[in-house]
Protein backbone atom coordinates (compact mmCIF):
# COMPACT_ATOMS: atom_id res chain seq x y z
CA MET A 1 -6.49 35.81 -35.17
CA GLU A 2 -5.39 37.70 -32.09
CA PRO A 3 -1.73 38.75 -31.96
CA PRO A 4 0.43 36.78 -29.50
CA VAL A 5 0.74 37.96 -25.93
CA LYS A 6 4.31 38.59 -24.79
CA ILE A 7 5.98 38.77 -21.41
CA VAL A 8 7.59 42.21 -21.24
CA ALA A 9 8.64 42.42 -17.58
CA VAL A 10 9.42 40.22 -14.59
CA GLU A 11 8.74 41.92 -11.26
CA THR A 12 9.46 40.71 -7.75
CA LEU A 13 7.98 42.27 -4.63
CA ARG A 14 9.14 41.82 -1.06
CA THR A 15 7.67 43.19 2.12
CA GLY A 16 8.53 43.92 5.71
CA ILE A 17 5.15 42.50 6.67
CA ARG A 18 6.46 39.03 5.84
CA PRO A 19 10.19 39.04 5.12
CA ASN A 20 10.20 35.38 4.01
CA LEU A 21 7.80 36.07 1.14
CA CYS A 22 8.58 37.01 -2.46
CA PHE A 23 5.79 37.74 -4.93
CA VAL A 24 6.41 37.42 -8.66
CA GLN A 25 4.44 39.28 -11.31
CA LEU A 26 4.71 38.51 -15.02
CA HIS A 27 3.69 41.60 -16.98
CA THR A 28 2.49 41.25 -20.57
CA ASP A 29 2.23 43.70 -23.45
CA THR A 30 -1.58 43.59 -23.12
CA GLY A 31 -1.48 44.83 -19.53
CA ALA A 32 -2.44 41.48 -18.04
CA VAL A 33 -0.40 40.49 -15.00
CA GLY A 34 0.10 36.95 -13.71
CA LEU A 35 0.85 36.54 -10.00
CA GLY A 36 3.01 33.93 -8.29
CA GLU A 37 4.64 33.52 -4.90
CA ALA A 38 7.72 31.98 -3.30
CA PHE A 39 8.40 31.42 0.38
CA TYR A 40 11.77 31.03 2.17
CA GLY A 41 15.08 32.46 0.99
CA PRO A 42 13.44 35.40 -0.80
CA ALA A 43 16.70 37.15 -1.66
CA ALA A 44 18.06 34.01 -3.33
CA VAL A 45 14.81 33.46 -5.21
CA GLU A 46 14.73 37.09 -6.31
CA GLY A 47 18.31 36.92 -7.54
CA TYR A 48 17.63 33.72 -9.48
CA LEU A 49 14.50 35.13 -11.11
CA HIS A 50 16.14 38.29 -12.37
CA GLU A 51 19.53 36.90 -13.27
CA GLN A 52 18.66 33.49 -14.70
CA ALA A 53 14.92 33.11 -15.26
CA ALA A 54 14.05 36.55 -16.65
CA PRO A 55 16.23 36.18 -19.80
CA GLU A 56 14.35 32.95 -20.57
CA LEU A 57 10.94 34.53 -19.93
CA LEU A 58 11.13 37.97 -21.50
CA GLY A 59 9.72 38.06 -25.02
CA GLN A 60 8.05 34.68 -24.69
CA ALA A 61 4.92 34.72 -26.85
CA ASP A 62 1.65 33.19 -25.61
CA PRO A 63 3.35 31.91 -22.44
CA ALA A 64 1.80 28.58 -21.48
CA PRO A 65 2.67 26.78 -18.24
CA GLU A 66 3.97 23.45 -19.55
CA PRO A 67 6.43 24.90 -22.12
CA LEU A 68 7.68 27.45 -19.58
CA ALA A 69 8.15 24.76 -16.94
CA HIS A 70 10.13 22.73 -19.46
CA ARG A 71 12.23 25.74 -20.46
CA LEU A 72 13.06 26.63 -16.85
CA ARG A 73 14.07 23.15 -15.71
CA PRO A 74 17.12 23.79 -13.53
CA TYR A 75 20.41 22.00 -13.78
CA THR A 76 21.96 23.55 -10.69
CA GLY A 77 20.12 22.28 -7.64
CA TYR A 78 18.03 20.01 -9.86
CA GLN A 79 17.29 17.40 -7.17
CA GLY A 80 16.40 19.81 -4.39
CA SER A 81 13.84 22.45 -3.52
CA GLY A 82 16.35 25.25 -3.76
CA ALA A 83 15.91 28.80 -4.98
CA GLU A 84 15.57 27.57 -8.57
CA THR A 85 12.64 25.30 -7.77
CA ARG A 86 10.87 27.86 -5.59
CA GLY A 87 11.39 30.58 -8.19
CA ASN A 88 10.15 28.35 -10.99
CA GLY A 89 7.16 27.40 -8.87
CA ALA A 90 6.24 31.06 -8.52
CA VAL A 91 6.63 31.62 -12.27
CA ASP A 92 4.45 28.58 -12.97
CA MET A 93 1.68 29.92 -10.70
CA ALA A 94 1.84 33.22 -12.57
CA ALA A 95 1.74 31.47 -15.97
CA TRP A 96 -1.41 29.55 -15.00
CA ASP A 97 -2.88 32.80 -13.71
CA LEU A 98 -2.23 34.47 -17.06
CA LEU A 99 -3.71 31.52 -18.93
CA GLY A 100 -6.86 31.70 -16.83
CA GLN A 101 -7.20 35.42 -17.43
CA ARG A 102 -6.83 34.97 -21.19
CA ALA A 103 -9.37 32.16 -21.24
CA GLY A 104 -11.72 33.84 -18.75
CA MET A 105 -11.68 30.66 -16.66
CA PRO A 106 -10.76 29.87 -13.06
CA LEU A 107 -7.77 27.63 -12.45
CA VAL A 108 -9.89 24.70 -11.29
CA ASP A 109 -11.63 24.66 -14.69
CA LEU A 110 -8.33 24.88 -16.55
CA LEU A 111 -7.21 21.78 -14.65
CA GLY A 112 -10.27 19.89 -15.84
CA GLY A 113 -13.02 20.99 -13.47
CA ALA A 114 -14.01 20.63 -9.85
CA VAL A 115 -14.49 17.07 -8.65
CA HIS A 116 -15.30 18.56 -5.25
CA GLU A 117 -17.30 21.78 -5.02
CA SER A 118 -15.68 22.33 -1.63
CA VAL A 119 -13.39 20.49 0.79
CA PRO A 120 -12.95 20.62 4.56
CA VAL A 121 -10.20 22.74 6.05
CA TYR A 122 -8.07 22.15 9.09
CA ASN A 123 -6.29 24.79 11.13
CA THR A 124 -2.54 24.66 11.45
CA CYS A 125 -2.07 26.04 14.93
CA ALA A 126 0.58 28.67 14.24
CA GLY A 127 0.56 32.28 15.32
CA ALA A 128 0.65 35.33 13.07
CA ARG A 129 4.47 35.64 13.27
CA TYR A 130 5.29 31.95 12.79
CA VAL A 131 8.47 31.44 10.66
CA ALA A 132 8.21 35.05 9.56
CA ALA A 133 11.84 35.70 8.70
CA SER A 134 14.02 32.58 8.96
CA SER A 135 13.84 29.18 7.27
CA ARG A 136 14.84 27.29 10.40
CA GLN A 137 12.31 24.79 11.75
CA GLU A 138 13.17 25.51 15.36
CA SER A 139 11.21 26.76 18.33
CA ASP A 140 13.14 30.05 18.40
CA ASN A 141 11.60 30.76 14.99
CA TRP A 142 8.01 30.18 16.13
CA GLY A 143 7.39 33.91 16.59
CA MET A 144 5.34 33.60 19.76
CA SER A 145 4.58 36.68 21.80
CA PRO A 146 7.03 36.60 24.73
CA GLU A 147 4.60 36.55 27.66
CA GLN A 148 1.39 34.65 28.23
CA GLY A 149 -0.27 37.82 29.43
CA ALA A 150 0.73 39.64 26.24
CA GLU A 151 -0.65 36.95 23.95
CA GLU A 152 -1.58 38.25 20.52
CA PRO A 153 -4.87 37.42 18.78
CA PHE A 154 -4.95 33.95 17.23
CA GLU A 155 -1.69 32.91 18.89
CA ASP A 156 -2.70 29.29 18.29
CA LEU A 157 0.82 27.92 18.75
CA ARG A 158 1.09 29.10 22.33
CA ALA A 159 -2.49 27.95 22.82
CA PHE A 160 -1.88 24.36 21.76
CA LEU A 161 1.20 24.19 23.97
CA HIS A 162 -0.50 25.55 27.09
CA ARG A 163 -4.28 25.11 26.68
CA PRO A 164 -4.90 22.57 23.90
CA GLY A 165 -8.35 21.53 25.07
CA GLU A 166 -9.59 25.09 25.20
CA LEU A 167 -8.20 25.78 21.73
CA ALA A 168 -9.84 22.64 20.31
CA ALA A 169 -13.21 23.68 21.72
CA GLU A 170 -12.77 27.19 20.30
CA LEU A 171 -11.96 25.85 16.82
CA ARG A 172 -14.82 23.38 16.94
CA ALA A 173 -17.23 26.18 17.84
CA GLU A 174 -16.12 27.93 14.64
CA GLY A 175 -16.97 24.82 12.64
CA ILE A 176 -13.34 23.82 12.06
CA GLY A 177 -13.04 20.05 12.27
CA GLY A 178 -9.28 19.55 12.25
CA MET A 179 -6.18 21.00 13.92
CA LYS A 180 -2.48 20.43 13.31
CA ILE A 181 -0.08 20.65 16.25
CA TRP A 182 3.61 19.86 16.88
CA PRO A 183 4.00 19.12 20.61
CA PHE A 184 7.15 17.00 20.17
CA ASP A 185 9.44 19.47 18.36
CA GLN A 186 11.14 20.86 21.44
CA ALA A 187 11.84 17.31 22.61
CA ALA A 188 13.57 16.67 19.28
CA GLU A 189 15.68 19.79 19.81
CA ARG A 190 16.78 18.49 23.20
CA SER A 191 17.76 15.01 21.99
CA GLY A 192 18.65 15.58 18.35
CA GLY A 193 15.75 13.31 17.42
CA ALA A 194 17.59 10.08 18.24
CA TRP A 195 15.59 9.31 21.38
CA ILE A 196 12.71 10.68 23.46
CA SER A 197 12.55 10.73 27.24
CA HIS A 198 9.58 9.37 29.15
CA ASP A 199 8.65 12.86 30.34
CA ASP A 200 8.83 14.37 26.84
CA LEU A 201 6.77 11.52 25.41
CA ALA A 202 4.16 11.88 28.15
CA ARG A 203 4.05 15.65 27.70
CA GLY A 204 3.50 15.44 23.94
CA VAL A 205 0.91 12.67 24.17
CA GLY A 206 -0.77 14.61 26.97
CA THR A 207 -1.39 17.49 24.57
CA VAL A 208 -3.42 15.24 22.29
CA GLU A 209 -5.15 13.66 25.30
CA SER A 210 -6.27 17.14 26.39
CA VAL A 211 -7.89 17.67 23.00
CA ARG A 212 -9.70 14.35 23.29
CA GLU A 213 -10.88 15.19 26.81
CA ALA A 214 -12.25 18.54 25.61
CA VAL A 215 -13.98 17.56 22.36
CA GLY A 216 -13.67 13.78 22.17
CA PHE A 217 -13.19 12.48 18.65
CA ASP A 218 -15.18 15.39 17.23
CA MET A 219 -11.89 16.94 16.12
CA GLU A 220 -9.32 15.51 13.74
CA VAL A 221 -5.82 15.95 15.15
CA MET A 222 -2.88 16.05 12.77
CA VAL A 223 0.42 15.60 14.63
CA GLU A 224 3.36 17.21 12.84
CA LEU A 225 6.86 15.89 13.59
CA HIS A 226 8.65 18.00 10.95
CA GLY A 227 11.03 15.18 9.94
CA LEU A 228 13.09 15.83 13.08
CA TRP A 229 13.20 12.24 14.36
CA TYR A 230 15.18 9.09 13.73
CA PRO A 231 13.05 6.00 12.99
CA ALA A 232 13.16 4.30 16.41
CA ALA A 233 12.10 7.41 18.34
CA ALA A 234 9.51 8.31 15.69
CA ALA A 235 8.01 4.83 15.98
CA GLU A 236 7.83 5.15 19.76
CA ILE A 237 5.91 8.41 19.39
CA CYS A 238 3.56 6.94 16.78
CA ARG A 239 2.78 3.88 18.90
CA ALA A 240 1.98 6.09 21.87
CA LEU A 241 -0.35 8.22 19.75
CA GLN A 242 -2.13 5.33 18.05
CA PRO A 243 -4.86 4.84 20.72
CA LEU A 244 -5.74 8.53 20.38
CA ARG A 245 -6.49 8.05 16.67
CA PRO A 246 -4.66 10.97 15.09
CA ALA A 247 -5.89 11.81 11.60
CA TRP A 248 -2.27 11.38 10.58
CA VAL A 249 1.28 11.78 11.81
CA GLU A 250 3.14 14.08 9.42
CA ASP A 251 6.78 13.68 8.44
CA PRO A 252 7.70 11.42 11.37
CA VAL A 253 11.08 10.97 9.66
CA ARG A 254 12.66 12.73 6.70
CA PRO A 255 10.50 12.12 3.62
CA ASP A 256 13.50 11.04 1.55
CA ALA A 257 13.84 7.97 3.82
CA ALA A 258 11.13 6.05 1.96
CA GLU A 259 11.97 2.58 3.32
CA SER A 260 12.11 3.78 6.93
CA LEU A 261 8.84 5.63 6.49
CA ALA A 262 7.13 2.58 4.98
CA ARG A 263 8.38 0.35 7.80
CA LEU A 264 7.22 2.84 10.45
CA ARG A 265 3.77 3.08 8.87
CA SER A 266 3.45 -0.69 8.78
CA GLU A 267 4.68 -1.28 12.32
CA THR A 268 2.80 1.46 14.15
CA GLY A 269 -0.62 1.42 12.53
CA VAL A 270 -0.94 5.20 12.22
CA ARG A 271 -1.72 7.02 9.01
CA VAL A 272 1.33 8.84 7.67
CA ALA A 273 1.38 12.13 5.76
CA ALA A 274 4.44 13.50 3.99
CA GLY A 275 5.60 15.56 1.07
CA GLU A 276 5.53 19.31 1.66
CA THR A 277 9.30 19.48 1.09
CA CYS A 278 9.40 16.95 -1.77
CA THR A 279 10.26 18.21 -5.23
CA GLY A 280 8.11 16.90 -8.02
CA ARG A 281 7.05 13.47 -9.18
CA ARG A 282 10.54 12.02 -8.90
CA ALA A 283 10.63 12.70 -5.15
CA PHE A 284 7.11 11.40 -4.51
CA LEU A 285 7.40 8.23 -6.58
CA PRO A 286 9.67 6.33 -4.14
CA LEU A 287 7.36 7.19 -1.24
CA LEU A 288 4.27 6.05 -3.09
CA ALA A 289 5.86 2.95 -4.59
CA ALA A 290 7.05 1.86 -1.13
CA GLY A 291 3.58 2.32 0.37
CA ALA A 292 5.06 4.82 2.79
CA VAL A 293 2.32 7.46 2.81
CA ASP A 294 -1.43 7.64 3.15
CA VAL A 295 -1.68 11.39 2.55
CA VAL A 296 0.46 13.50 0.20
CA THR A 297 0.99 17.04 1.50
CA VAL A 298 2.37 18.53 -1.72
CA ASP A 299 3.25 22.23 -1.61
CA PRO A 300 2.46 23.85 -4.99
CA GLY A 301 5.32 26.34 -4.78
CA TRP A 302 8.00 24.15 -3.25
CA THR A 303 7.37 21.24 -5.60
CA GLY A 304 7.77 23.40 -8.71
CA GLY A 305 4.39 24.96 -9.38
CA VAL A 306 0.84 24.07 -10.39
CA THR A 307 2.08 22.04 -13.35
CA GLU A 308 4.12 19.68 -11.20
CA ALA A 309 1.71 19.61 -8.25
CA HIS A 310 -1.13 18.55 -10.55
CA LYS A 311 0.99 15.63 -11.77
CA VAL A 312 1.91 14.70 -8.20
CA ALA A 313 -1.79 14.58 -7.28
CA SER A 314 -2.45 12.26 -10.22
CA LEU A 315 0.50 10.05 -9.27
CA ALA A 316 -0.80 9.84 -5.70
CA ASP A 317 -4.24 8.90 -6.99
CA ALA A 318 -2.74 6.07 -9.02
CA HIS A 319 -1.12 4.73 -5.83
CA GLY A 320 -4.23 5.10 -3.68
CA ALA A 321 -3.02 8.05 -1.61
CA ALA A 322 -5.06 11.13 -0.73
CA VAL A 323 -3.92 14.72 -1.33
CA ALA A 324 -3.98 17.47 1.30
CA PRO A 325 -1.97 20.41 -0.10
CA HIS A 326 0.37 22.30 2.20
CA ASP A 327 -0.11 25.97 2.90
CA CYS A 328 1.62 27.67 5.77
CA THR A 329 3.30 30.19 3.52
CA GLY A 330 1.27 32.85 1.70
CA PRO A 331 -2.05 33.90 0.15
CA VAL A 332 -1.27 32.90 -3.44
CA SER A 333 -0.24 29.41 -2.38
CA LEU A 334 -3.50 29.02 -0.47
CA GLY A 335 -5.54 30.13 -3.48
CA VAL A 336 -3.68 27.81 -5.85
CA ALA A 337 -3.85 24.87 -3.45
CA THR A 338 -7.61 25.25 -3.08
CA HIS A 339 -8.08 24.97 -6.84
CA LEU A 340 -5.79 21.93 -6.91
CA VAL A 341 -7.42 20.00 -4.08
CA CYS A 342 -10.93 20.58 -5.43
CA ASN A 343 -9.87 19.35 -8.86
CA ALA A 344 -8.18 16.18 -7.57
CA PRO A 345 -10.39 13.08 -7.26
CA ASN A 346 -8.25 12.14 -4.25
CA GLY A 347 -8.48 15.65 -2.73
CA LEU A 348 -9.06 15.21 1.00
CA VAL A 349 -8.68 18.44 2.96
CA GLN A 350 -7.02 21.85 2.68
CA GLU A 351 -4.56 23.22 5.21
CA SER A 352 -5.21 26.76 6.42
CA VAL A 353 -3.84 29.02 9.14
CA ARG A 354 -6.51 31.19 10.70
CA ALA A 355 -3.85 33.38 12.28
CA PHE A 356 -2.56 34.23 8.80
CA LEU A 357 -6.00 34.58 7.23
CA ARG A 358 -7.13 36.99 9.93
CA THR A 359 -4.01 39.11 10.22
CA TRP A 360 -1.50 39.54 7.40
CA TYR A 361 -2.97 37.69 4.38
CA PRO A 362 -5.69 40.35 3.90
CA LEU A 363 -3.14 43.15 4.20
CA LEU A 364 -1.36 41.86 1.10
CA ALA A 365 -3.99 40.29 -1.12
CA GLU A 366 -7.63 40.12 -2.06
CA GLY A 367 -9.68 37.39 -3.72
CA LEU A 368 -8.79 34.80 -1.08
CA PRO A 369 -10.88 31.62 -1.01
CA GLU A 370 -13.66 31.91 1.52
CA ILE A 371 -13.82 29.54 4.47
CA ALA A 372 -17.26 28.97 5.95
CA GLY A 373 -18.65 26.14 8.02
CA GLY A 374 -15.24 24.48 8.11
CA ARG A 375 -15.03 24.17 4.32
CA THR A 376 -13.44 26.08 1.46
CA ALA A 377 -13.98 26.35 -2.27
CA PRO A 378 -12.01 27.91 -5.12
CA THR A 379 -13.04 31.33 -6.33
CA ARG A 380 -14.65 31.69 -9.76
CA ALA A 381 -12.44 34.61 -10.79
CA PRO A 382 -10.21 34.01 -13.82
CA GLY A 383 -6.88 32.39 -13.00
CA HIS A 384 -6.29 31.63 -9.36
CA GLY A 385 -8.16 34.80 -8.38
CA ILE A 386 -5.62 36.31 -5.98
CA ARG A 387 -4.62 39.92 -6.57
CA LEU A 388 -2.23 42.14 -4.64
CA ARG A 389 -3.91 45.02 -2.89
CA PRO A 390 -3.15 48.53 -4.20
CA GLU A 391 -2.60 49.60 -0.60
CA PHE A 392 0.11 46.95 -0.23
CA LEU A 393 1.79 48.00 -3.48
CA ALA A 394 1.82 51.61 -2.26
CA ARG A 395 3.44 50.86 1.11
CA THR A 396 6.88 52.33 1.70
CA ASP A 397 8.19 48.95 2.89
CA THR A 398 7.09 47.15 -0.29
CA ARG A 399 10.22 46.74 -2.41
CA SER A 400 9.90 46.16 -6.14
CA ARG A 401 12.56 44.98 -8.56
CA VAL A 402 11.82 44.84 -12.28
CA THR A 403 13.65 43.34 -15.24
CA ARG A 404 12.21 44.51 -18.56
CA LEU A 405 12.39 43.33 -22.15
């Protein structure tokens, strides 16, 4: 019998390339390293991991995801996606990664196997610097290059605001069949989300109309409202969009307003997606039980890790809802989400951000899932397959903090 594997160090890594990101590495006495990732509030997550989580993790023998998730259940902040949940989500990703390496199996096989060999992707139309440093969901955190003439490569956010039809045609030529846009956010900032002016409504709807004029219905359009609206204004937007057949309207109101969301879905006739900011099964259950969502956009890190996200996908399946995992955060989350969505019978589509994939993701990590012909599939490397690049680890602006046994 092989001797037990022990966790001997917890390491966090932060980078100036993406200040919102915090990687977590679980080092074992065999030399194997499991990799996880947290996004938003990296200093708080880092502090939690070293001060509270590390004492629970160090010395753990044969660390398996479910027991570790149980051991790290937070009391403080238990009902929210705070630093504890994001930190535990990163640890859980790393634990599954270690398990896959020990078994010599990819994550999708550990979860039970691939129901889908590949799934379609859609492009979230952000730019490379989108929400790079702050957690605010506001237009001053969109990170757009300041002048149209100085537009950076893959500045898809500025593109959907100013030339949506051209962007849609460009994406379609690449084989990408879906795009997510948020043309109503600035209107919500002006009104506080309680009402929408005729001009703002026409402007936002006009963005989607431009896509339809350019590529017809040969492009799925996901309209993101970021939970910024009150129900009456959100319903007005949804009714105006309905003839344009959006693939879904995402977070038209806050996802913890299950009854309002269910009523809006019923009254407007649009498909509703929600859930990237929901924490675990207990947050998703009211939405699903109320018939409030058609598509669950679970975020593996923000919901508590692979362990919890897998259960959320199963819960959604039991309620007849599809799963389209969120990723607008980092390379590990994308890798993990791809394994999850391909394992889930109700896996629908995987979010991706071409601006991230073609700029800063490859600077940090290797082993990313390949996207070709508008589809993606999980890698066959053990674990989730994502590894930090040696060049990234050697950078002077990569900051490491280690707590050892």
